[in-house]
């Protein structure tokens, strides 16, 4: 297996959280899991969280990544039903 040199940090809510919710099959084929097949992914996403949580995690872990790395922050729109 080829070593994965590019580090990717994912910060977000349930859209990026592959550890919680849903059938295991869907967790395995989700976009974060597919990204992890190619890159060295660290996923800090948490279901039910919001922008403040994502930014806090980004600030806590930014030293773990260098300028050549990628960060993905996924945001969900709140609905007022």
C-alpha atoms as a PDB file:
ATOM      1  CA  UNK A   1       0.000   0.000   0.000  1.00  0.00           C
ATOM      2  CA  UNK A   2       1.298   3.424  -0.914  1.00  0.00           C
ATOM      3  CA  UNK A   3       1.887   5.819   1.977  1.00  0.00           C
ATOM      4  CA  UNK A   4      -0.567   8.687   2.195  1.00  0.00           C
ATOM      5  CA  UNK A   5       1.515  11.874   2.337  1.00  0.00           C
ATOM      6  CA  UNK A   6      -1.177  14.522   2.108  1.00  0.00           C
ATOM      7  CA  UNK A   7      -2.851  15.212   5.438  1.00  0.00           C
ATOM      8  CA  UNK A   8      -6.458  16.353   5.428  1.00  0.00           C
ATOM      9  CA  UNK A   9      -8.366  17.696   8.414  1.00  0.00           C
ATOM     10  CA  UNK A  10     -12.163  17.537   8.381  1.00  0.00           C
ATOM     11  CA  UNK A  11     -14.044  19.783  10.773  1.00  0.00           C
ATOM     12  CA  UNK A  12     -17.813  19.866  10.852  1.00  0.00           C
ATOM     13  CA  UNK A  13     -21.124  18.421  11.916  1.00  0.00           C
ATOM     14  CA  UNK A  14     -23.054  15.238  11.092  1.00  0.00           C
ATOM     15  CA  UNK A  15     -22.342  15.651   7.377  1.00  0.00           C
ATOM     16  CA  UNK A  16     -18.704  14.834   8.127  1.00  0.00           C
ATOM     17  CA  UNK A  17     -19.133  12.565  11.164  1.00  0.00           C
ATOM     18  CA  UNK A  18     -18.756   8.959  10.031  1.00  0.00           C
ATOM     19  CA  UNK A  19     -18.622   7.524  13.542  1.00  0.00           C
ATOM     20  CA  UNK A  20     -22.187   8.264  14.603  1.00  0.00           C
ATOM     21  CA  UNK A  21     -25.546   7.532  13.064  1.00  0.00           C
ATOM     22  CA  UNK A  22     -26.598   5.730   9.973  1.00  0.00           C
ATOM     23  CA  UNK A  23     -26.036   2.223   8.762  1.00  0.00           C
ATOM     24  CA  UNK A  24     -22.402   1.052   8.745  1.00  0.00           C
ATOM     25  CA  UNK A  25     -22.499   0.661   4.945  1.00  0.00           C
ATOM     26  CA  UNK A  26     -23.318   4.353   4.512  1.00  0.00           C
ATOM     27  CA  UNK A  27     -20.556   5.323   6.929  1.00  0.00           C
ATOM     28  CA  UNK A  28     -18.085   3.334   4.832  1.00  0.00           C
ATOM     29  CA  UNK A  29     -19.112   4.952   1.539  1.00  0.00           C
ATOM     30  CA  UNK A  30     -19.468   8.496   2.880  1.00  0.00           C
ATOM     31  CA  UNK A  31     -17.322  11.277   1.431  1.00  0.00           C
ATOM     32  CA  UNK A  32     -14.967  11.404   4.475  1.00  0.00           C
ATOM     33  CA  UNK A  33     -14.384   7.659   4.244  1.00  0.00           C
ATOM     34  CA  UNK A  34     -13.757   7.875   0.501  1.00  0.00           C
ATOM     35  CA  UNK A  35     -11.303  10.728   1.062  1.00  0.00           C
ATOM     36  CA  UNK A  36      -9.504   8.589   3.653  1.00  0.00           C
ATOM     37  CA  UNK A  37      -8.925   5.920   1.013  1.00  0.00           C
ATOM     38  CA  UNK A  38      -6.531   8.299  -0.728  1.00  0.00           C
ATOM     39  CA  UNK A  39      -5.322  10.762   1.897  1.00  0.00           C
ATOM     40  CA  UNK A  40      -4.205  10.753   5.528  1.00  0.00           C
ATOM     41  CA  UNK A  41      -7.479  12.019   7.021  1.00  0.00           C
ATOM     42  CA  UNK A  42      -8.109  13.133  10.582  1.00  0.00           C
ATOM     43  CA  UNK A  43     -11.797  13.741  11.139  1.00  0.00           C
ATOM     44  CA  UNK A  44     -12.857  16.043  13.985  1.00  0.00           C
ATOM     45  CA  UNK A  45     -16.516  16.275  12.918  1.00  0.00           C
ATOM     46  CA  UNK A  46     -19.245  15.679  15.466  1.00  0.00           C
ATOM     47  CA  UNK A  47     -22.950  15.174  14.880  1.00  0.00           C
ATOM     48  CA  UNK A  48     -25.109  17.905  16.356  1.00  0.00           C
ATOM     49  CA  UNK A  49     -22.289  20.440  16.525  1.00  0.00           C
ATOM     50  CA  UNK A  50     -22.099  23.834  14.895  1.00  0.00           C
ATOM     51  CA  UNK A  51     -19.653  26.335  13.493  1.00  0.00           C
ATOM     52  CA  UNK A  52     -18.237  27.271  16.915  1.00  0.00           C
ATOM     53  CA  UNK A  53     -17.285  23.648  17.613  1.00  0.00           C
ATOM     54  CA  UNK A  54     -15.660  23.254  14.194  1.00  0.00           C
ATOM     55  CA  UNK A  55     -13.613  26.429  14.546  1.00  0.00           C
ATOM     56  CA  UNK A  56     -12.581  25.525  18.111  1.00  0.00           C
ATOM     57  CA  UNK A  57     -11.329  22.137  16.899  1.00  0.00           C
ATOM     58  CA  UNK A  58      -9.538  23.769  13.973  1.00  0.00           C
ATOM     59  CA  UNK A  59      -7.731  26.179  16.304  1.00  0.00           C
ATOM     60  CA  UNK A  60      -6.854  23.339  18.706  1.00  0.00           C
ATOM     61  CA  UNK A  61      -5.338  21.180  15.976  1.00  0.00           C
ATOM     62  CA  UNK A  62      -3.928  23.630  13.444  1.00  0.00           C
ATOM     63  CA  UNK A  63      -0.389  22.933  14.689  1.00  0.00           C
ATOM     64  CA  UNK A  64      -0.841  19.275  13.661  1.00  0.00           C
ATOM     65  CA  UNK A  65      -0.901  20.359  10.023  1.00  0.00           C
ATOM     66  CA  UNK A  66       1.491  22.371   7.908  1.00  0.00           C
ATOM     67  CA  UNK A  67       0.741  24.842   5.121  1.00  0.00           C
ATOM     68  CA  UNK A  68       0.755  22.100   2.482  1.00  0.00           C
ATOM     69  CA  UNK A  69      -2.198  20.343   4.094  1.00  0.00           C
ATOM     70  CA  UNK A  70      -5.885  20.733   3.405  1.00  0.00           C
ATOM     71  CA  UNK A  71      -8.735  21.561   5.742  1.00  0.00           C
ATOM     72  CA  UNK A  72     -12.397  20.991   5.061  1.00  0.00           C
ATOM     73  CA  UNK A  73     -15.021  22.650   7.190  1.00  0.00           C
ATOM     74  CA  UNK A  74     -18.502  21.513   6.333  1.00  0.00           C
ATOM     75  CA  UNK A  75     -21.425  23.636   7.375  1.00  0.00           C
ATOM     76  CA  UNK A  76     -25.093  22.796   7.519  1.00  0.00           C
ATOM     77  CA  UNK A  77     -27.762  25.414   7.282  1.00  0.00           C
ATOM     78  CA  UNK A  78     -30.076  25.721  10.242  1.00  0.00           C
ATOM     79  CA  UNK A  79     -33.724  25.588   9.327  1.00  0.00           C
ATOM     80  CA  UNK A  80     -36.401  27.457  11.227  1.00  0.00           C
ATOM     81  CA  UNK A  81     -39.456  25.260  10.895  1.00  0.00           C
END
